[in-house]
N, C-alpha and C. Protein backbone atom coordinates (compact mmCIF):
# COMPACT_ATOMS: atom_id res chain seq x y z
N MET A 1 -21.33 -60.46 -25.77
CA MET A 1 -20.52 -60.27 -26.94
C MET A 1 -20.49 -58.79 -27.36
N LYS A 2 -21.67 -58.16 -27.25
CA LYS A 2 -21.77 -56.76 -27.64
C LYS A 2 -20.91 -55.89 -26.72
N LYS A 3 -20.85 -56.23 -25.42
CA LYS A 3 -20.05 -55.46 -24.46
C LYS A 3 -18.57 -55.58 -24.80
N ILE A 4 -18.14 -56.76 -25.23
CA ILE A 4 -16.74 -56.97 -25.57
C ILE A 4 -16.37 -56.13 -26.80
N LEU A 5 -17.23 -56.08 -27.79
CA LEU A 5 -16.98 -55.28 -28.98
C LEU A 5 -16.91 -53.79 -28.65
N ILE A 6 -17.79 -53.34 -27.76
CA ILE A 6 -17.76 -51.94 -27.34
C ILE A 6 -16.46 -51.64 -26.60
N LEU A 7 -16.04 -52.53 -25.71
CA LEU A 7 -14.78 -52.35 -24.98
C LEU A 7 -13.59 -52.35 -25.94
N LEU A 8 -13.58 -53.26 -26.91
CA LEU A 8 -12.49 -53.30 -27.87
C LEU A 8 -12.47 -52.04 -28.73
N GLY A 9 -13.63 -51.56 -29.12
CA GLY A 9 -13.72 -50.32 -29.89
C GLY A 9 -13.19 -49.14 -29.10
N ALA A 10 -13.58 -49.05 -27.82
CA ALA A 10 -13.10 -47.97 -26.96
C ALA A 10 -11.60 -48.06 -26.76
N LEU A 11 -11.09 -49.28 -26.57
CA LEU A 11 -9.66 -49.48 -26.40
C LEU A 11 -8.90 -49.09 -27.67
N LEU A 12 -9.44 -49.47 -28.80
CA LEU A 12 -8.83 -49.11 -30.07
C LEU A 12 -8.82 -47.60 -30.29
N LEU A 13 -9.92 -46.94 -29.93
CA LEU A 13 -10.02 -45.50 -30.05
C LEU A 13 -9.00 -44.80 -29.14
N CYS A 14 -8.90 -45.24 -27.89
CA CYS A 14 -7.94 -44.64 -26.94
C CYS A 14 -6.51 -44.85 -27.41
N THR A 15 -6.22 -46.05 -27.91
CA THR A 15 -4.87 -46.35 -28.38
C THR A 15 -4.51 -45.48 -29.58
N SER A 16 -5.45 -45.33 -30.51
CA SER A 16 -5.16 -44.51 -31.69
C SER A 16 -4.99 -43.04 -31.30
N LEU A 17 -5.76 -42.56 -30.32
CA LEU A 17 -5.59 -41.18 -29.86
C LEU A 17 -4.22 -40.98 -29.21
N LEU A 18 -3.82 -41.94 -28.38
CA LEU A 18 -2.51 -41.83 -27.74
C LEU A 18 -1.38 -41.86 -28.76
N LEU A 19 -1.50 -42.69 -29.77
CA LEU A 19 -0.48 -42.75 -30.80
C LEU A 19 -0.45 -41.45 -31.61
N ALA A 20 -1.61 -40.92 -31.91
CA ALA A 20 -1.67 -39.67 -32.67
C ALA A 20 -1.06 -38.52 -31.88
N LEU A 21 -1.36 -38.45 -30.60
CA LEU A 21 -0.80 -37.38 -29.77
C LEU A 21 0.68 -37.59 -29.51
N GLY A 22 1.09 -38.83 -29.42
CA GLY A 22 2.49 -39.12 -29.13
C GLY A 22 3.41 -38.88 -30.31
N THR A 23 2.89 -38.93 -31.53
CA THR A 23 3.75 -38.76 -32.69
C THR A 23 3.91 -37.30 -33.10
N THR A 24 3.05 -36.41 -32.60
CA THR A 24 3.26 -34.99 -32.93
C THR A 24 4.46 -34.51 -32.14
N SER A 25 5.41 -33.97 -32.84
CA SER A 25 6.63 -33.54 -32.16
C SER A 25 6.96 -32.11 -32.56
N THR A 26 7.68 -31.47 -31.68
CA THR A 26 8.16 -30.13 -31.97
C THR A 26 9.63 -30.24 -32.35
N ALA A 27 10.20 -29.14 -32.75
CA ALA A 27 11.62 -29.15 -33.09
C ALA A 27 12.43 -29.49 -31.85
N GLN A 28 13.42 -30.32 -32.04
CA GLN A 28 14.24 -30.75 -30.92
C GLN A 28 15.71 -30.55 -31.26
N ALA A 29 16.49 -30.47 -30.21
CA ALA A 29 17.93 -30.45 -30.42
C ALA A 29 18.36 -31.87 -30.71
N LEU A 30 19.09 -32.04 -31.77
CA LEU A 30 19.52 -33.37 -32.15
C LEU A 30 21.01 -33.49 -31.94
N PRO A 31 21.45 -34.60 -31.37
CA PRO A 31 22.90 -34.79 -31.19
C PRO A 31 23.66 -34.75 -32.51
N GLU A 32 22.96 -35.07 -33.61
CA GLU A 32 23.63 -35.02 -34.92
C GLU A 32 24.07 -33.60 -35.25
N TYR A 33 23.25 -32.62 -34.86
CA TYR A 33 23.61 -31.23 -35.13
C TYR A 33 24.85 -30.83 -34.33
N ALA A 34 24.90 -31.29 -33.09
CA ALA A 34 26.06 -30.97 -32.26
C ALA A 34 27.31 -31.63 -32.85
N ALA A 35 27.16 -32.85 -33.34
CA ALA A 35 28.30 -33.52 -33.96
C ALA A 35 28.69 -32.84 -35.28
N GLN A 36 27.70 -32.38 -36.02
CA GLN A 36 27.96 -31.73 -37.32
C GLN A 36 28.71 -30.41 -37.12
N THR A 37 28.30 -29.64 -36.12
CA THR A 37 28.89 -28.32 -35.93
C THR A 37 30.07 -28.32 -34.96
N GLY A 38 30.19 -29.37 -34.15
CA GLY A 38 31.24 -29.40 -33.14
C GLY A 38 30.95 -28.49 -31.96
N GLU A 39 29.71 -28.06 -31.82
CA GLU A 39 29.29 -27.15 -30.74
C GLU A 39 28.37 -27.90 -29.79
N PRO A 40 28.34 -27.52 -28.50
CA PRO A 40 27.34 -28.12 -27.61
C PRO A 40 25.94 -27.60 -27.92
N CYS A 41 24.94 -28.31 -27.46
CA CYS A 41 23.54 -27.92 -27.72
C CYS A 41 23.24 -26.51 -27.22
N SER A 42 23.91 -26.11 -26.14
CA SER A 42 23.65 -24.79 -25.55
C SER A 42 24.15 -23.65 -26.43
N SER A 43 24.92 -23.95 -27.48
CA SER A 43 25.34 -22.90 -28.40
C SER A 43 24.15 -22.34 -29.16
N CYS A 44 23.20 -23.22 -29.47
CA CYS A 44 22.04 -22.80 -30.25
C CYS A 44 20.78 -22.63 -29.41
N HIS A 45 20.68 -23.39 -28.33
CA HIS A 45 19.46 -23.39 -27.53
C HIS A 45 19.66 -22.64 -26.22
N ILE A 46 18.57 -22.10 -25.72
CA ILE A 46 18.61 -21.38 -24.45
C ILE A 46 18.86 -22.35 -23.30
N SER A 47 18.23 -23.51 -23.37
CA SER A 47 18.42 -24.54 -22.35
C SER A 47 19.80 -25.19 -22.54
N PRO A 48 20.58 -25.33 -21.47
CA PRO A 48 21.90 -25.96 -21.60
C PRO A 48 21.83 -27.40 -22.10
N SER A 49 20.71 -28.09 -21.85
CA SER A 49 20.59 -29.48 -22.28
C SER A 49 20.09 -29.59 -23.71
N GLY A 50 19.78 -28.46 -24.34
CA GLY A 50 19.29 -28.48 -25.72
C GLY A 50 17.79 -28.60 -25.76
N GLY A 51 17.23 -28.46 -26.92
CA GLY A 51 15.78 -28.51 -27.07
C GLY A 51 15.15 -27.20 -26.65
N GLY A 52 13.92 -27.02 -27.04
CA GLY A 52 13.22 -25.80 -26.67
C GLY A 52 13.62 -24.62 -27.54
N PRO A 53 13.35 -23.42 -27.04
CA PRO A 53 13.60 -22.23 -27.86
C PRO A 53 15.09 -22.04 -28.17
N ARG A 54 15.34 -21.47 -29.33
CA ARG A 54 16.71 -21.21 -29.75
C ARG A 54 17.11 -19.79 -29.37
N GLY A 55 18.38 -19.62 -29.11
CA GLY A 55 18.95 -18.30 -28.88
C GLY A 55 19.30 -17.68 -30.23
N PRO A 56 19.93 -16.52 -30.23
CA PRO A 56 20.27 -15.85 -31.49
C PRO A 56 21.17 -16.69 -32.39
N ARG A 57 22.14 -17.40 -31.81
CA ARG A 57 23.03 -18.20 -32.65
C ARG A 57 22.27 -19.33 -33.32
N GLY A 58 21.35 -19.98 -32.59
CA GLY A 58 20.56 -21.06 -33.17
C GLY A 58 19.60 -20.56 -34.23
N GLN A 59 19.00 -19.40 -33.99
CA GLN A 59 18.08 -18.84 -34.98
C GLN A 59 18.84 -18.50 -36.27
N ALA A 60 20.02 -17.92 -36.14
CA ALA A 60 20.80 -17.56 -37.32
C ALA A 60 21.29 -18.82 -38.04
N TRP A 61 21.64 -19.86 -37.29
CA TRP A 61 22.11 -21.11 -37.90
C TRP A 61 21.01 -21.74 -38.74
N VAL A 62 19.79 -21.78 -38.20
CA VAL A 62 18.67 -22.35 -38.95
C VAL A 62 18.32 -21.46 -40.14
N ALA A 63 18.35 -20.15 -39.94
CA ALA A 63 18.01 -19.22 -41.02
C ALA A 63 19.00 -19.29 -42.18
N SER A 64 20.24 -19.70 -41.89
CA SER A 64 21.24 -19.80 -42.97
C SER A 64 21.36 -21.24 -43.47
N ASP A 65 20.27 -22.00 -43.36
CA ASP A 65 20.17 -23.37 -43.88
C ASP A 65 21.14 -24.36 -43.25
N LYS A 66 21.42 -24.20 -41.98
CA LYS A 66 22.20 -25.14 -41.18
C LYS A 66 23.55 -25.48 -41.81
N PRO A 67 24.43 -24.48 -41.92
CA PRO A 67 25.77 -24.77 -42.46
C PRO A 67 26.58 -25.61 -41.48
N GLY A 68 27.79 -25.92 -41.84
CA GLY A 68 28.64 -26.77 -41.01
C GLY A 68 29.10 -26.14 -39.71
N ALA A 69 28.97 -24.84 -39.58
CA ALA A 69 29.42 -24.16 -38.36
C ALA A 69 28.35 -23.17 -37.91
N VAL A 70 28.23 -23.06 -36.60
CA VAL A 70 27.29 -22.09 -36.03
C VAL A 70 27.98 -20.73 -36.02
N PRO A 71 27.32 -19.69 -36.54
CA PRO A 71 27.96 -18.37 -36.56
C PRO A 71 28.17 -17.84 -35.14
N ASP A 72 29.23 -17.04 -34.97
CA ASP A 72 29.44 -16.45 -33.64
C ASP A 72 28.33 -15.44 -33.35
N LEU A 73 28.30 -14.94 -32.13
CA LEU A 73 27.18 -14.12 -31.70
C LEU A 73 27.02 -12.86 -32.55
N MET A 74 28.11 -12.16 -32.82
CA MET A 74 28.00 -10.92 -33.59
C MET A 74 27.53 -11.19 -35.02
N ALA A 75 28.06 -12.26 -35.64
CA ALA A 75 27.61 -12.62 -36.99
C ALA A 75 26.15 -13.05 -36.97
N SER A 76 25.75 -13.74 -35.91
CA SER A 76 24.35 -14.17 -35.79
C SER A 76 23.43 -12.98 -35.70
N LEU A 77 23.80 -12.02 -34.87
CA LEU A 77 22.95 -10.84 -34.72
C LEU A 77 22.89 -10.05 -36.02
N GLU A 78 23.99 -10.02 -36.74
CA GLU A 78 24.00 -9.33 -38.03
C GLU A 78 23.08 -10.06 -39.03
N LEU A 79 23.13 -11.40 -39.04
CA LEU A 79 22.25 -12.18 -39.91
C LEU A 79 20.78 -11.96 -39.57
N LEU A 80 20.51 -11.74 -38.29
CA LEU A 80 19.13 -11.53 -37.84
C LEU A 80 18.68 -10.09 -38.00
N GLY A 81 19.58 -9.21 -38.50
CA GLY A 81 19.19 -7.83 -38.77
C GLY A 81 19.39 -6.88 -37.61
N VAL A 82 20.15 -7.29 -36.60
CA VAL A 82 20.40 -6.40 -35.46
C VAL A 82 21.60 -5.54 -35.79
N GLU A 83 21.46 -4.23 -35.62
CA GLU A 83 22.55 -3.30 -35.90
C GLU A 83 23.00 -2.64 -34.60
N PHE A 84 24.31 -2.50 -34.47
CA PHE A 84 24.88 -1.86 -33.30
C PHE A 84 25.54 -0.57 -33.71
N SER A 85 25.35 0.45 -32.91
CA SER A 85 26.11 1.67 -33.10
C SER A 85 26.70 2.02 -31.74
N VAL A 86 28.02 2.14 -31.71
CA VAL A 86 28.73 2.34 -30.46
C VAL A 86 29.53 3.63 -30.54
N ASP A 87 29.40 4.43 -29.52
CA ASP A 87 30.23 5.62 -29.41
C ASP A 87 31.52 5.21 -28.70
N GLN A 88 32.60 5.13 -29.46
CA GLN A 88 33.87 4.64 -28.91
C GLN A 88 34.40 5.52 -27.78
N THR A 89 34.06 6.80 -27.79
CA THR A 89 34.57 7.69 -26.74
C THR A 89 33.98 7.32 -25.38
N TYR A 90 32.84 6.65 -25.37
CA TYR A 90 32.23 6.24 -24.11
C TYR A 90 33.09 5.20 -23.41
N PHE A 91 33.87 4.44 -24.18
CA PHE A 91 34.63 3.33 -23.61
C PHE A 91 36.11 3.63 -23.46
N THR A 92 36.53 4.86 -23.72
CA THR A 92 37.94 5.18 -23.58
C THR A 92 38.25 5.55 -22.15
N GLU A 93 39.48 5.32 -21.78
CA GLU A 93 39.92 5.61 -20.43
C GLU A 93 40.10 7.12 -20.24
N ALA A 94 39.78 7.59 -19.06
CA ALA A 94 39.93 9.02 -18.77
C ALA A 94 41.42 9.38 -18.82
N ALA A 95 41.70 10.54 -19.39
CA ALA A 95 43.10 10.97 -19.53
C ALA A 95 43.73 11.26 -18.18
N SER A 96 42.99 11.87 -17.29
CA SER A 96 43.56 12.19 -15.99
C SER A 96 43.10 11.16 -14.96
N GLN A 97 43.89 11.04 -13.93
CA GLN A 97 43.53 10.10 -12.89
C GLN A 97 42.43 10.69 -12.01
N VAL A 98 41.61 9.83 -11.50
CA VAL A 98 40.52 10.26 -10.63
C VAL A 98 41.09 10.56 -9.25
N GLN A 99 40.68 11.69 -8.71
CA GLN A 99 41.18 12.07 -7.39
C GLN A 99 40.53 11.19 -6.32
N GLU A 100 41.32 10.92 -5.30
CA GLU A 100 40.82 10.12 -4.20
C GLU A 100 39.80 10.93 -3.41
N ALA A 101 38.74 10.28 -3.00
CA ALA A 101 37.67 10.96 -2.27
C ALA A 101 38.13 11.28 -0.85
N GLU A 102 37.64 12.40 -0.36
CA GLU A 102 37.96 12.79 1.01
C GLU A 102 37.11 12.00 1.99
N ALA A 103 37.62 11.82 3.19
CA ALA A 103 36.87 11.12 4.22
C ALA A 103 35.65 11.96 4.60
N LEU A 104 34.56 11.30 4.91
CA LEU A 104 33.33 11.97 5.29
C LEU A 104 33.50 12.59 6.67
N LYS A 105 33.20 13.86 6.77
CA LYS A 105 33.34 14.56 8.05
C LYS A 105 31.95 14.83 8.60
N VAL A 106 31.63 14.18 9.72
CA VAL A 106 30.31 14.31 10.32
C VAL A 106 30.50 14.66 11.79
N SER A 107 29.73 15.62 12.24
CA SER A 107 29.81 15.99 13.66
C SER A 107 29.08 14.93 14.48
N PRO A 108 29.37 14.85 15.78
CA PRO A 108 28.70 13.86 16.63
C PRO A 108 27.18 14.02 16.62
N VAL A 109 26.67 15.23 16.55
CA VAL A 109 25.23 15.46 16.52
C VAL A 109 24.65 14.88 15.22
N GLN A 110 25.30 15.14 14.11
CA GLN A 110 24.83 14.60 12.84
C GLN A 110 24.90 13.08 12.83
N SER A 111 25.96 12.51 13.39
CA SER A 111 26.09 11.06 13.38
C SER A 111 25.00 10.39 14.22
N ARG A 112 24.59 11.02 15.34
CA ARG A 112 23.49 10.46 16.14
C ARG A 112 22.19 10.50 15.35
N LYS A 113 21.94 11.60 14.61
CA LYS A 113 20.73 11.70 13.80
C LYS A 113 20.73 10.62 12.71
N ILE A 114 21.87 10.46 12.07
CA ILE A 114 21.97 9.45 11.01
C ILE A 114 21.78 8.06 11.60
N PHE A 115 22.40 7.80 12.77
CA PHE A 115 22.26 6.49 13.40
C PHE A 115 20.81 6.21 13.75
N ARG A 116 20.10 7.19 14.33
CA ARG A 116 18.68 7.01 14.67
C ARG A 116 17.85 6.74 13.41
N TRP A 117 18.11 7.52 12.39
CA TRP A 117 17.34 7.35 11.16
C TRP A 117 17.58 5.96 10.57
N LEU A 118 18.84 5.51 10.53
CA LEU A 118 19.15 4.21 9.97
C LEU A 118 18.58 3.07 10.81
N SER A 119 18.57 3.22 12.13
CA SER A 119 18.05 2.14 12.98
C SER A 119 16.53 2.06 12.89
N GLN A 120 15.86 3.13 12.51
CA GLN A 120 14.40 3.11 12.35
C GLN A 120 13.98 2.78 10.92
N TYR A 121 14.91 2.84 10.00
CA TYR A 121 14.60 2.60 8.58
C TYR A 121 14.32 1.12 8.37
N ASP A 122 13.15 0.80 7.80
CA ASP A 122 12.79 -0.61 7.62
C ASP A 122 12.99 -1.10 6.20
N GLY A 123 13.76 -0.43 5.42
CA GLY A 123 14.09 -0.89 4.06
C GLY A 123 13.14 -0.35 3.02
N ASN A 124 13.31 -0.88 1.84
CA ASN A 124 12.49 -0.42 0.71
C ASN A 124 11.16 -1.11 0.68
C-alpha cells in the first residue's frame, strides 16, 4: 500500500510539473491580430509564419498600443526613434553620360603571364 501511495505521489508531482511548464507561454502571433489589422503575420514578425521576435513594424505596432493598422516601415522606424539623414545629391543622376570603356590591350607576353598566374591561383 505504501508503494502505491509513493507512486501516486510521484505521478501527481510529475503531472503538476508538466502542467506548470506547459502553461508558461511567451508572446505569440495571434490570427486575431492579423484579422484585426488585415496584414499577414510576417508584417510584424521576422518569421513568415508568425510568432517569435518582432520586426520594426511589429515593435512599433505594440508600442503604439496595437491600433487597427500596422504602421508602414518608415513610420515604424520613426516611432522607434530611428532618424535618417540622406544626402539627395548622392542619388541624383550624373549630368553627363559615362564614356564607354576602352578594350583592354595586352601583349601576348603579358597575357601568358596573366594566364599562368590565374591558373596557379587557388582562390581566397
